[in-house]
Amino acid sequence: MSLLKNRCHILFTGHLHKQVVKESGGVSYILLENYGSTDATGVFCRVYVSGDAVSWEFGE
């Protein structure tokens, strides 16, 4: 994780079998759910970028 310190603000990656959002060294690590499983019905992560701000939301 120290490779990204002071080099980025957000890293989206995946997949896990649950959503995880952790922060370390000023970087938000966002792990996405397993979209291919039979119990994941339309799960998504929507990312908004506006000026200098980035936000996201999970939904079904």
N, C-alpha and C. Protein backbone atom coordinates (compact mmCIF):
# COMPACT_ATOMS: atom_id res chain seq x y z
N MET A 1 0.81 -1.19 0.00
CA MET A 1 0.00 0.00 0.00
C MET A 1 0.86 1.27 0.00
N SER A 2 2.03 1.20 0.51
CA SER A 2 2.86 2.40 0.56
C SER A 2 3.29 2.86 -0.83
N LEU A 3 3.18 2.02 -1.84
CA LEU A 3 3.52 2.43 -3.21
C LEU A 3 2.62 3.54 -3.72
N LEU A 4 1.40 3.62 -3.20
CA LEU A 4 0.45 4.63 -3.68
C LEU A 4 0.42 5.88 -2.81
N LYS A 5 1.07 5.88 -1.67
CA LYS A 5 1.05 7.02 -0.76
C LYS A 5 1.56 8.26 -1.48
N ASN A 6 0.76 9.33 -1.39
CA ASN A 6 1.05 10.61 -2.04
C ASN A 6 1.09 10.53 -3.57
N ARG A 7 0.59 9.45 -4.15
CA ARG A 7 0.59 9.31 -5.61
C ARG A 7 -0.82 9.19 -6.18
N CYS A 8 -1.79 8.82 -5.36
CA CYS A 8 -3.19 8.77 -5.81
C CYS A 8 -4.08 8.94 -4.59
N HIS A 9 -5.38 9.12 -4.84
CA HIS A 9 -6.33 9.30 -3.75
C HIS A 9 -7.28 8.12 -3.61
N ILE A 10 -7.59 7.48 -4.75
CA ILE A 10 -8.56 6.40 -4.74
C ILE A 10 -8.08 5.28 -5.65
N LEU A 11 -8.26 4.04 -5.19
CA LEU A 11 -7.96 2.87 -6.02
C LEU A 11 -9.17 1.95 -5.99
N PHE A 12 -9.77 1.71 -7.16
CA PHE A 12 -10.87 0.75 -7.27
C PHE A 12 -10.28 -0.57 -7.72
N THR A 13 -10.65 -1.62 -7.06
CA THR A 13 -10.17 -2.94 -7.42
C THR A 13 -11.22 -3.97 -7.04
N GLY A 14 -11.03 -5.17 -7.39
CA GLY A 14 -11.99 -6.20 -7.01
C GLY A 14 -11.62 -7.48 -7.72
N HIS A 15 -12.21 -8.50 -7.36
CA HIS A 15 -13.41 -8.53 -6.57
C HIS A 15 -13.23 -9.32 -5.27
N LEU A 16 -14.04 -9.02 -4.34
CA LEU A 16 -14.15 -9.77 -3.10
C LEU A 16 -15.58 -10.27 -3.09
N HIS A 17 -15.96 -10.95 -2.05
CA HIS A 17 -17.35 -11.40 -1.97
C HIS A 17 -18.18 -10.47 -1.11
N LYS A 18 -17.62 -9.31 -0.80
CA LYS A 18 -18.35 -8.26 -0.11
C LYS A 18 -17.66 -6.94 -0.42
N GLN A 19 -18.37 -5.84 -0.22
CA GLN A 19 -17.80 -4.52 -0.46
C GLN A 19 -16.89 -4.15 0.71
N VAL A 20 -15.74 -3.58 0.41
CA VAL A 20 -14.82 -3.13 1.44
C VAL A 20 -14.29 -1.76 1.02
N VAL A 21 -14.32 -0.81 1.94
CA VAL A 21 -13.72 0.50 1.73
C VAL A 21 -12.79 0.76 2.90
N LYS A 22 -11.52 0.86 2.64
CA LYS A 22 -10.50 1.10 3.68
C LYS A 22 -9.66 2.30 3.26
N GLU A 23 -9.10 3.00 4.23
CA GLU A 23 -8.19 4.10 3.94
C GLU A 23 -6.85 3.84 4.60
N SER A 24 -5.79 4.09 3.86
CA SER A 24 -4.44 3.92 4.38
C SER A 24 -3.53 4.91 3.68
N GLY A 25 -2.80 5.69 4.45
CA GLY A 25 -1.87 6.66 3.87
C GLY A 25 -2.54 7.69 2.99
N GLY A 26 -3.79 8.05 3.30
CA GLY A 26 -4.51 9.03 2.51
C GLY A 26 -5.11 8.50 1.23
N VAL A 27 -5.05 7.18 1.02
CA VAL A 27 -5.61 6.55 -0.18
C VAL A 27 -6.82 5.72 0.22
N SER A 28 -7.95 5.90 -0.46
CA SER A 28 -9.14 5.07 -0.25
C SER A 28 -9.04 3.85 -1.16
N TYR A 29 -9.11 2.68 -0.57
CA TYR A 29 -9.08 1.41 -1.32
C TYR A 29 -10.49 0.86 -1.35
N ILE A 30 -11.06 0.73 -2.54
CA ILE A 30 -12.44 0.31 -2.71
C ILE A 30 -12.45 -1.03 -3.43
N LEU A 31 -12.84 -2.07 -2.72
CA LEU A 31 -12.91 -3.41 -3.30
C LEU A 31 -14.35 -3.70 -3.66
N LEU A 32 -14.57 -4.10 -4.89
CA LEU A 32 -15.92 -4.32 -5.39
C LEU A 32 -16.36 -5.75 -5.14
N GLU A 33 -17.67 -5.92 -5.14
CA GLU A 33 -18.23 -7.26 -4.95
C GLU A 33 -17.98 -8.15 -6.15
N ASN A 34 -18.26 -9.42 -5.96
CA ASN A 34 -18.18 -10.39 -7.03
C ASN A 34 -19.43 -10.25 -7.90
N TYR A 35 -19.28 -9.63 -9.06
CA TYR A 35 -20.43 -9.39 -9.93
C TYR A 35 -20.92 -10.63 -10.65
N GLY A 36 -20.11 -11.68 -10.69
CA GLY A 36 -20.49 -12.86 -11.44
C GLY A 36 -21.20 -13.92 -10.62
N SER A 37 -21.32 -13.73 -9.33
CA SER A 37 -21.95 -14.76 -8.50
C SER A 37 -23.46 -14.75 -8.69
N THR A 38 -24.09 -15.85 -8.38
CA THR A 38 -25.54 -15.96 -8.58
C THR A 38 -26.31 -15.12 -7.57
N ASP A 39 -25.69 -14.74 -6.44
CA ASP A 39 -26.40 -13.94 -5.45
C ASP A 39 -26.21 -12.43 -5.67
N ALA A 40 -25.39 -12.03 -6.63
CA ALA A 40 -25.17 -10.61 -6.93
C ALA A 40 -26.13 -10.21 -8.05
N THR A 41 -27.24 -9.59 -7.68
CA THR A 41 -28.26 -9.24 -8.66
C THR A 41 -28.16 -7.76 -9.00
N GLY A 42 -27.46 -7.44 -10.04
CA GLY A 42 -27.36 -6.06 -10.50
C GLY A 42 -26.55 -5.15 -9.61
N VAL A 43 -25.57 -5.66 -8.91
CA VAL A 43 -24.75 -4.84 -8.03
C VAL A 43 -23.86 -3.93 -8.87
N PHE A 44 -23.72 -2.66 -8.45
CA PHE A 44 -22.87 -1.74 -9.18
C PHE A 44 -22.16 -0.77 -8.24
N CYS A 45 -21.14 -0.14 -8.74
CA CYS A 45 -20.46 0.96 -8.06
C CYS A 45 -20.45 2.13 -9.05
N ARG A 46 -21.19 3.19 -8.73
CA ARG A 46 -21.25 4.37 -9.60
C ARG A 46 -20.26 5.40 -9.08
N VAL A 47 -19.42 5.92 -9.97
CA VAL A 47 -18.38 6.88 -9.61
C VAL A 47 -18.74 8.23 -10.21
N TYR A 48 -18.66 9.28 -9.39
CA TYR A 48 -18.92 10.65 -9.83
C TYR A 48 -17.63 11.44 -9.76
N VAL A 49 -17.31 12.16 -10.83
CA VAL A 49 -16.13 13.02 -10.87
C VAL A 49 -16.61 14.42 -11.22
N SER A 50 -16.27 15.38 -10.35
CA SER A 50 -16.69 16.76 -10.57
C SER A 50 -15.59 17.68 -10.07
N GLY A 51 -14.93 18.37 -10.97
CA GLY A 51 -13.83 19.25 -10.57
C GLY A 51 -12.73 18.45 -9.88
N ASP A 52 -12.43 18.80 -8.65
CA ASP A 52 -11.41 18.09 -7.88
C ASP A 52 -11.99 17.01 -6.98
N ALA A 53 -13.30 16.79 -7.03
CA ALA A 53 -13.96 15.85 -6.13
C ALA A 53 -14.31 14.54 -6.85
N VAL A 54 -14.14 13.44 -6.14
CA VAL A 54 -14.55 12.13 -6.62
C VAL A 54 -15.38 11.49 -5.50
N SER A 55 -16.54 10.97 -5.86
CA SER A 55 -17.36 10.26 -4.89
C SER A 55 -17.92 9.02 -5.55
N TRP A 56 -18.47 8.12 -4.77
CA TRP A 56 -18.99 6.88 -5.30
C TRP A 56 -20.13 6.39 -4.44
N GLU A 57 -20.92 5.48 -5.02
CA GLU A 57 -22.00 4.84 -4.28
C GLU A 57 -22.16 3.42 -4.79
N PHE A 58 -22.53 2.54 -3.90
CA PHE A 58 -22.84 1.16 -4.26
C PHE A 58 -24.36 1.05 -4.36
N GLY A 59 -24.81 0.18 -5.22
CA GLY A 59 -26.26 -0.02 -5.36
C GLY A 59 -26.56 -1.36 -5.97
N GLU A 60 -27.84 -1.67 -6.02
CA GLU A 60 -28.30 -2.93 -6.62
C GLU A 60 -29.27 -2.65 -7.72
